[in-house]
Every structure is written in C-alpha cells, then in structure tokens.
Amino acid sequence: MIEMTSEERVYRVLQRKEPDRVPHFEWLVDRRVREALCPGCKGHNDFAVKMGQDAVIVDPLFKKEKVSENRWLSEWGYVTQDTEEEHGIEVESPIKTMADFERFTPPNPHLPERFAAVESVLQANKGNKAVIVHLNDVFSLPRYLMGMQDLLMAIALQPELVKALVELSVAYNLELAKEIVNRGAKIVYTGDDYAYNRGPLMSPKHFREFFYPGLCRVMGGYKELGLYVIKHTDGNLWKIIDMIIDSGIDCLDPIDPQAGMDLGEVKAKYGDRVALKGNVDCAQLMTFGTPEEVFESTRETLRKGMPGGGFILSSSNSIHSAVKPENYTAMLQAWREYGKYS
C-alpha cells in the first residue's frame, strides 16, 4: 500500500476503512512526559509532530483572568483552580437558577480572534497532520455553568433549566462549528464525559430525556457542515452506548478498559457503524506497569482494533502526569512494529 500522509490516514479511518497503518494521537500529553521524551519541545502540538503522532489538537480561544494565586475567571463566568495537571477544575459557576440563566449572556462566538489558533494550526499542518478542533456537545458547557453536582441535582429539581442549558450548548457549538468550517477545519472532537467506571452519571432514562435529543441535533449539525466527529467519553457506557452511536458520530473514544469497556466487544458490535479510538490503560498499566507489559498490552489492543480498519491507537484517556515516560515509549514501539497493514 502506498504510504499516506497523517491527514489521509486519519480521514480513511474515520470512513471505517484500512489505511496504510494505524494512526496514533493523544488528546493530551502532560508537560512532564513531553519534557522527558522531547526536551525543549514547545507545547503539545510540537511534541505530537516530533513524536510522529498523526494529529494535532486546537481549541477556540476564550479569555481568562487571574483572580487569585491559583484561580482563573473564564470568559464564560466560571472559575477554575489550577491542579497538578495541565487543566484546572471548576470551583465556582455562574448559574444556579432559571433567573440566573435568563440574565446570562454567553461570549460572542463569532469574534475573529477566537479562531486565531485554529487558523494558525490549520495553516502550519495543511496537507500533513490531521487538525482536530475541540468543541463540545451537550454536557460540558452545562457542567461548567452550573457545576457538576448542581447540574445533576437539577435534572430532578430544575428540569427546565437543564433543558435550557443543553439548548444553549447545542446552539453555541454549532455557531463555533460554522466558523471553523469557514476556516478549513474538517474534524472536531467533543470531550463531554457522560460516565464513570460504574456507569453513566445519570440514569439512561434521564440521558434519553435531557441529553440525547440535543446530542442528535448537535451531531446532525456538525455532519451537515461536512465535519467528521470523534466523540470522547470515559467510563462504562454500556447502558447508553446505543444512543451515543445513534446520534451520528464517526468515532467513539476511548473505550475505557478500567470501566469494563472491552475493545474487542465494542468492535464486534459497532465496528461496522463507527470507528474506534483507544485504549491502552493509562490509569493503572501505563502508570504502574513495566514497559514490557505496556508493549504487550499495546500489541493486544492493535490485534483487537485493527481488523477491517476504522481504528486509531491511543491511551484510554491521555498521557497524564503519572504516566511513566518509558511506558509511553513502549506503547509507541509496539505501534510502530505491529500497527502496519500489509
């Protein structure tokens, strides 16, 4: 098979076909791992290019203002606190009631400067790496604006507020999508997590009532704009996976092994409908295991995911700060050795 560019390789997988080899990329590689393996690299995308990953990731830009030593006020009105990881956690949110929602004005989605990074990354990687823009679907934005606990409680106590927040998320993300398409973007991923290790964060009934209709609308809108969509959600998805796939996504990630999501089983049941991305265990194996164990696990992951195409190799979430650099190296070694199609 003729060697493909990274961009061609990722597109082919999202069409559920075999490329020349399995593509690989990560949503995040922590700065400590980056520096250990690629000293002096300038951020995640520079690392991705130098390590031979097949995609680079970029977000629309939203301003944030420092309000204390380790806290930041987002342009959206919520406050995040720094952590040991490269991303913070939400600690204050602006919406508690429907009255708060009715007074709330979201940031302008059409400001040209919001897309400066998208334009730069698209230009720098044109015809080489796949460029994937991070947007959302129906859960992350409501969670940021209410806080996780209050949002989940509002499903029972303030259902109309939850529905209004979902509508806001759908409409807003589709406006962002129009802007990135106009700039040449072709792939998005949505990072809204719906589950934890034991199951969904809400009942399947509530997921179907409150989130699934909006999920179908936002995915349908992305598809109408000509975008490929990679849907990320950790956790045990078995009770809601049919709804997620029925929404129209092109790829599901990360098929979380710590949550009982077996890649081979998901591939057998849904591989004719969606591509899959995952799922070398980063929670335990890549953190506490040996390079030899990671190498063999990666080889087994490739064995399960590769047949028929439609598979992207990655960790089961990200290469976080506790991942041993030598274990990520072992994963890459197995990928390079066993990830080629004949």
Protein backbone atom coordinates (compact mmCIF):
# COMPACT_ATOMS: atom_id res chain seq x y z
CA MET A 1 0.00 0.00 0.00
CA ILE A 2 1.25 3.49 -0.86
CA GLU A 3 2.34 5.47 2.19
CA MET A 4 -0.26 8.01 3.23
CA THR A 5 0.08 11.35 4.92
CA SER A 6 -1.15 11.53 8.50
CA GLU A 7 -4.13 13.55 7.33
CA GLU A 8 -5.11 10.96 4.71
CA ARG A 9 -4.63 8.18 7.24
CA VAL A 10 -6.99 9.73 9.81
CA TYR A 11 -9.66 10.52 7.20
CA ARG A 12 -9.55 6.94 5.94
CA VAL A 13 -10.04 5.57 9.44
CA LEU A 14 -12.97 7.92 10.08
CA GLN A 15 -14.50 6.43 6.92
CA ARG A 16 -14.07 2.99 8.59
CA LYS A 17 -11.51 1.83 6.05
CA GLU A 18 -7.99 0.44 6.30
CA PRO A 19 -5.14 2.96 5.97
CA ASP A 20 -1.50 2.02 5.37
CA ARG A 21 -1.01 1.86 9.13
CA VAL A 22 -2.96 2.55 12.29
CA PRO A 23 -2.90 6.26 13.17
CA HIS A 24 -2.00 7.38 16.67
CA PHE A 25 -2.53 10.60 18.59
CA GLU A 26 -3.42 11.73 22.10
CA TRP A 27 -5.75 14.45 23.34
CA LEU A 28 -3.16 15.45 25.92
CA VAL A 29 0.42 14.59 26.81
CA ASP A 30 1.43 16.13 30.13
CA ARG A 31 4.32 18.59 30.09
CA ARG A 32 6.43 16.37 32.36
CA VAL A 33 6.20 13.45 29.95
CA ARG A 34 6.79 15.76 27.00
CA GLU A 35 9.91 17.23 28.55
CA ALA A 36 11.29 13.81 29.47
CA LEU A 37 10.90 12.45 25.94
CA CYS A 38 11.38 15.59 23.87
CA PRO A 39 13.37 18.19 25.85
CA GLY A 40 12.65 21.73 24.75
CA CYS A 41 9.54 20.95 22.72
CA LYS A 42 7.13 23.87 22.54
CA GLY A 43 3.84 22.52 23.80
CA HIS A 44 1.57 19.61 22.95
CA ASN A 45 1.40 20.03 19.18
CA ASP A 46 5.15 20.49 18.76
CA PHE A 47 5.59 17.28 20.75
CA ALA A 48 2.97 15.50 18.62
CA VAL A 49 4.75 16.42 15.40
CA LYS A 50 8.22 15.49 16.67
CA MET A 51 7.00 12.14 18.06
CA GLY A 52 5.25 11.18 14.83
CA GLN A 53 1.66 11.41 16.01
CA ASP A 54 -0.89 11.71 13.23
CA ALA A 55 -2.99 14.62 14.50
CA VAL A 56 -2.68 17.93 16.28
CA ILE A 57 -5.36 19.43 18.53
CA VAL A 58 -6.57 23.02 18.82
CA ASP A 59 -9.28 24.89 20.72
CA PRO A 60 -11.13 28.13 20.04
CA LEU A 61 -9.74 30.78 22.37
CA PHE A 62 -11.67 32.05 25.39
CA LYS A 63 -10.13 34.64 27.68
CA LYS A 64 -9.44 34.01 31.33
CA GLU A 65 -8.47 36.44 34.08
CA LYS A 66 -6.40 35.60 37.14
CA VAL A 67 -8.46 36.27 40.27
CA SER A 68 -6.16 34.75 42.92
CA GLU A 69 -2.88 32.89 43.16
CA ASN A 70 -4.23 29.72 41.54
CA ARG A 71 -7.72 30.63 40.31
CA TRP A 72 -8.91 31.94 36.96
CA LEU A 73 -12.17 33.56 35.86
CA SER A 74 -13.27 32.30 32.44
CA GLU A 75 -14.92 34.48 29.84
CA TRP A 76 -17.93 32.22 30.49
CA GLY A 77 -18.16 33.35 34.11
CA TYR A 78 -16.99 30.19 35.87
CA VAL A 79 -13.83 29.95 37.97
CA THR A 80 -11.22 27.21 37.64
CA GLN A 81 -8.49 26.26 40.08
CA ASP A 82 -5.06 25.06 38.97
CA THR A 83 -4.16 21.44 39.66
CA GLU A 84 -1.04 19.34 39.25
CA GLU A 85 -2.27 18.53 35.75
CA GLU A 86 -2.28 20.98 32.85
CA HIS A 87 -6.00 21.62 33.17
CA GLY A 88 -7.86 23.11 36.11
CA ILE A 89 -11.11 22.14 37.79
CA GLU A 90 -14.26 24.25 38.04
CA VAL A 91 -14.82 25.56 41.58
CA GLU A 92 -17.39 28.33 41.04
CA SER A 93 -20.18 28.55 38.47
CA PRO A 94 -22.44 31.46 37.47
CA ILE A 95 -25.83 29.74 37.09
CA LYS A 96 -27.91 28.29 39.93
CA THR A 97 -31.47 29.11 38.85
CA MET A 98 -33.53 29.82 35.75
CA ALA A 99 -33.38 33.51 36.68
CA ASP A 100 -29.57 33.31 36.53
CA PHE A 101 -29.83 31.67 33.11
CA GLU A 102 -32.19 34.33 31.80
CA ARG A 103 -29.71 37.04 32.83
CA PHE A 104 -26.73 35.19 31.39
CA THR A 105 -25.09 36.31 28.14
CA PRO A 106 -22.59 33.87 26.59
CA PRO A 107 -19.39 35.12 24.95
CA ASN A 108 -19.68 36.19 21.32
CA PRO A 109 -18.97 33.03 19.28
CA HIS A 110 -18.03 35.00 16.15
CA LEU A 111 -15.10 37.13 17.34
CA PRO A 112 -12.30 36.67 14.78
CA GLU A 113 -9.62 36.49 17.47
CA ARG A 114 -11.36 33.45 18.93
CA PHE A 115 -10.12 31.43 15.96
CA ALA A 116 -6.55 32.71 15.67
CA ALA A 117 -5.07 29.45 17.00
CA VAL A 118 -7.33 27.36 14.75
CA GLU A 119 -6.18 29.32 11.70
CA SER A 120 -2.52 29.06 12.70
CA VAL A 121 -2.60 25.31 13.32
CA LEU A 122 -4.54 24.63 10.11
CA GLN A 123 -2.03 26.63 8.09
CA ALA A 124 1.01 25.02 9.72
CA ASN A 125 -0.23 21.45 9.18
CA LYS A 126 -2.04 21.68 5.85
CA GLY A 127 -1.63 18.50 3.82
CA ASN A 128 0.37 16.78 6.58
CA LYS A 129 -1.13 16.24 10.03
CA ALA A 130 -4.85 15.92 10.66
CA VAL A 131 -6.07 19.00 12.54
CA ILE A 132 -8.78 18.28 15.12
CA VAL A 133 -10.71 21.13 16.73
CA HIS A 134 -12.03 20.64 20.25
CA LEU A 135 -15.69 21.64 20.60
CA ASN A 136 -18.43 20.31 22.89
CA ASP A 137 -21.84 18.72 22.59
CA VAL A 138 -24.41 18.72 25.42
CA PHE A 139 -22.82 18.11 28.82
CA SER A 140 -19.58 20.01 29.37
CA LEU A 141 -20.93 23.52 28.93
CA PRO A 142 -23.92 22.95 31.25
CA ARG A 143 -21.49 21.42 33.76
CA TYR A 144 -19.18 24.44 33.59
CA LEU A 145 -22.08 26.85 34.02
CA MET A 146 -23.75 25.03 36.95
CA GLY A 147 -21.10 22.79 38.43
CA MET A 148 -21.33 19.00 38.24
CA GLN A 149 -23.26 18.40 41.46
CA ASP A 150 -25.79 21.18 40.89
CA LEU A 151 -26.35 20.12 37.28
CA LEU A 152 -27.07 16.52 38.22
CA MET A 153 -29.40 17.62 41.02
CA ALA A 154 -31.15 20.00 38.62
CA ILE A 155 -32.24 17.05 36.47
CA ALA A 156 -34.71 16.29 39.27
CA LEU A 157 -35.22 19.74 40.79
CA GLN A 158 -34.98 22.16 37.83
CA PRO A 159 -35.55 20.13 34.65
CA GLU A 160 -36.40 23.14 32.50
CA LEU A 161 -33.10 24.77 33.43
CA VAL A 162 -31.19 21.67 32.35
CA LYS A 163 -33.02 21.63 29.03
CA ALA A 164 -32.30 25.33 28.52
CA LEU A 165 -28.59 24.80 29.17
CA VAL A 166 -28.48 21.90 26.72
CA GLU A 167 -30.15 24.08 24.09
CA LEU A 168 -27.57 26.80 24.71
CA SER A 169 -24.76 24.29 24.30
CA VAL A 170 -26.15 22.92 21.04
CA ALA A 171 -26.73 26.34 19.50
CA TYR A 172 -23.42 27.80 20.65
CA ASN A 173 -21.27 24.91 19.50
CA LEU A 174 -22.91 24.90 16.09
CA GLU A 175 -22.06 28.58 15.72
CA LEU A 176 -18.43 27.79 16.57
CA ALA A 177 -18.54 24.92 14.09
CA LYS A 178 -19.64 27.24 11.27
CA GLU A 179 -16.69 29.49 11.99
CA ILE A 180 -14.09 26.71 11.99
CA VAL A 181 -15.51 25.18 8.80
CA ASN A 182 -15.17 28.56 7.12
CA ARG A 183 -11.50 28.44 8.06
CA GLY A 184 -10.96 24.96 6.63
CA ALA A 185 -11.44 22.62 9.61
CA LYS A 186 -12.77 19.15 8.80
CA ILE A 187 -12.63 17.21 12.09
CA VAL A 188 -13.94 18.01 15.57
CA TYR A 189 -13.89 16.10 18.79
CA THR A 190 -16.27 16.65 21.67
CA GLY A 191 -14.92 15.97 25.14
CA ASP A 192 -18.15 15.80 27.14
CA ASP A 193 -17.85 12.87 29.60
CA TYR A 194 -21.15 11.16 30.50
CA ALA A 195 -19.99 8.29 32.71
CA TYR A 196 -17.65 6.99 35.38
CA ASN A 197 -16.30 3.49 35.99
CA ARG A 198 -19.60 2.00 37.18
CA GLY A 199 -21.98 3.56 34.69
CA PRO A 200 -23.49 6.79 33.38
CA LEU A 201 -23.57 9.90 35.58
CA MET A 202 -27.35 9.97 35.20
CA SER A 203 -29.91 7.24 34.56
CA PRO A 204 -30.35 6.06 30.95
CA LYS A 205 -33.92 7.39 31.16
CA HIS A 206 -32.68 10.86 32.09
CA PHE A 207 -29.94 10.73 29.47
CA ARG A 208 -32.54 9.96 26.81
CA GLU A 209 -34.88 12.70 28.04
CA PHE A 210 -32.44 15.53 28.73
CA PHE A 211 -29.29 14.98 26.68
CA TYR A 212 -29.90 12.58 23.80
CA PRO A 213 -32.18 14.87 21.73
CA GLY A 214 -29.63 17.68 21.90
CA LEU A 215 -26.81 15.25 21.16
CA CYS A 216 -28.59 14.20 17.97
CA ARG A 217 -29.11 17.84 16.97
CA VAL A 218 -25.54 18.93 17.55
CA MET A 219 -24.07 15.86 15.84
CA GLY A 220 -26.52 16.29 12.97
CA GLY A 221 -25.48 19.93 12.69
CA TYR A 222 -21.80 19.03 12.61
CA LYS A 223 -22.46 16.47 9.88
CA GLU A 224 -24.50 18.94 7.82
CA LEU A 225 -21.46 21.23 7.90
CA GLY A 226 -19.34 18.40 6.49
CA LEU A 227 -17.39 17.67 9.66
CA TYR A 228 -16.13 14.34 10.90
CA VAL A 229 -16.89 13.91 14.62
CA ILE A 230 -14.90 11.99 17.22
CA LYS A 231 -16.92 11.58 20.41
CA HIS A 232 -14.93 11.27 23.63
CA THR A 233 -16.44 9.99 26.85
CA ASP A 234 -14.77 7.90 29.54
CA GLY A 235 -16.50 5.42 31.78
CA ASN A 236 -18.86 2.49 31.50
CA LEU A 237 -21.12 3.38 28.57
CA TRP A 238 -22.94 0.10 28.04
CA LYS A 239 -26.32 1.44 29.18
CA ILE A 240 -26.20 4.46 26.86
CA ILE A 241 -23.80 3.43 24.09
CA ASP A 242 -26.57 2.79 21.56
CA MET A 243 -27.83 6.34 21.98
CA ILE A 244 -24.34 7.76 21.57
CA ILE A 245 -23.73 5.83 18.36
CA ASP A 246 -27.24 6.52 17.03
CA SER A 247 -26.57 10.27 17.38
CA GLY A 248 -24.42 10.10 14.23
CA ILE A 249 -20.82 10.21 15.45
CA ASP A 250 -17.98 8.94 13.25
CA CYS A 251 -15.69 7.65 16.00
CA LEU A 252 -16.01 6.71 19.68
CA ASP A 253 -13.18 7.19 22.17
CA PRO A 254 -11.61 5.91 24.45
CA ILE A 255 -13.39 2.55 25.12
CA ASP A 256 -12.34 2.73 28.77
CA PRO A 257 -10.89 -0.63 29.93
CA GLN A 258 -10.96 0.38 33.62
CA ALA A 259 -14.72 0.77 33.26
CA GLY A 260 -15.37 -2.63 31.71
CA MET A 261 -15.43 -1.46 28.09
CA ASP A 262 -13.76 -4.23 26.09
CA LEU A 263 -12.40 -3.01 22.76
CA GLY A 264 -12.97 -6.34 21.02
CA GLU A 265 -16.60 -6.48 22.14
CA VAL A 266 -17.30 -2.89 21.10
CA LYS A 267 -15.58 -3.53 17.75
CA ALA A 268 -17.68 -6.65 17.13
CA LYS A 269 -20.96 -4.90 17.98
CA TYR A 270 -20.41 -1.44 16.48
CA GLY A 271 -17.34 -1.52 14.23
CA ASP A 272 -19.50 -1.53 11.11
CA ARG A 273 -21.06 1.79 12.17
CA VAL A 274 -18.31 3.81 13.86
CA ALA A 275 -14.56 3.96 14.01
CA LEU A 276 -12.98 3.40 17.42
CA LYS A 277 -10.10 5.09 19.24
CA GLY A 278 -8.27 3.71 22.25
CA ASN A 279 -7.48 2.08 24.58
CA VAL A 280 -4.18 1.19 26.29
CA ASP A 281 -4.85 1.57 30.03
CA CYS A 282 -3.32 4.81 31.30
CA ALA A 283 -4.88 4.65 34.77
CA GLN A 284 -3.02 1.60 36.04
CA LEU A 285 -0.89 -0.07 33.40
CA MET A 286 0.93 2.95 31.97
CA THR A 287 1.29 4.44 35.45
CA PHE A 288 2.42 1.43 37.48
CA GLY A 289 3.30 -1.24 34.91
CA THR A 290 6.54 -2.07 33.15
CA PRO A 291 7.49 -1.19 29.56
CA GLU A 292 7.27 -4.88 28.68
CA GLU A 293 3.70 -5.05 29.98
CA VAL A 294 2.72 -1.89 28.10
CA PHE A 295 4.30 -3.24 24.90
CA GLU A 296 2.28 -6.48 25.12
CA SER A 297 -0.93 -4.65 26.01
CA THR A 298 -0.49 -2.31 23.05
CA ARG A 299 0.10 -5.29 20.78
CA GLU A 300 -3.12 -6.90 22.05
CA THR A 301 -5.01 -3.63 21.60
CA LEU A 302 -3.87 -3.48 17.99
CA ARG A 303 -4.91 -7.10 17.48
CA LYS A 304 -8.44 -6.29 18.62
CA GLY A 305 -8.83 -2.92 16.94
CA MET A 306 -7.13 -3.26 13.57
CA PRO A 307 -9.21 -5.82 11.60
CA GLY A 308 -11.16 -4.13 8.83
CA GLY A 309 -9.75 -0.67 9.58
CA GLY A 310 -11.59 2.06 11.41
CA PHE A 311 -9.20 2.12 14.37
CA ILE A 312 -6.97 4.76 16.00
CA LEU A 313 -4.50 3.69 18.68
CA SER A 314 -4.29 5.81 21.82
CA SER A 315 -4.27 5.60 25.58
CA SER A 316 -7.51 5.07 27.47
CA ASN A 317 -7.72 8.81 28.20
CA SER A 318 -4.48 10.78 27.97
CA ILE A 319 -0.79 10.63 28.76
CA HIS A 320 -1.21 12.30 32.16
CA SER A 321 1.46 13.37 34.62
CA ALA A 322 1.73 9.98 36.37
CA VAL A 323 2.39 8.00 33.18
CA LYS A 324 5.97 6.76 33.10
CA PRO A 325 7.71 8.25 30.03
CA GLU A 326 9.32 4.88 29.30
CA ASN A 327 5.87 3.29 29.20
CA TYR A 328 4.65 5.74 26.59
CA THR A 329 7.81 4.97 24.62
CA ALA A 330 6.98 1.25 24.84
CA MET A 331 3.48 1.95 23.53
CA LEU A 332 4.96 3.82 20.55
CA GLN A 333 7.42 1.00 19.88
CA ALA A 334 4.66 -1.60 19.74
CA TRP A 335 2.57 0.68 17.50
CA ARG A 336 5.43 1.14 15.04
CA GLU A 337 6.19 -2.57 14.98
CA TYR A 338 2.69 -4.03 14.81
CA GLY A 339 0.46 -1.21 13.56
CA LYS A 340 1.02 -1.63 9.81
CA TYR A 341 -1.47 -3.12 7.38
CA SER A 342 0.01 -5.45 4.78
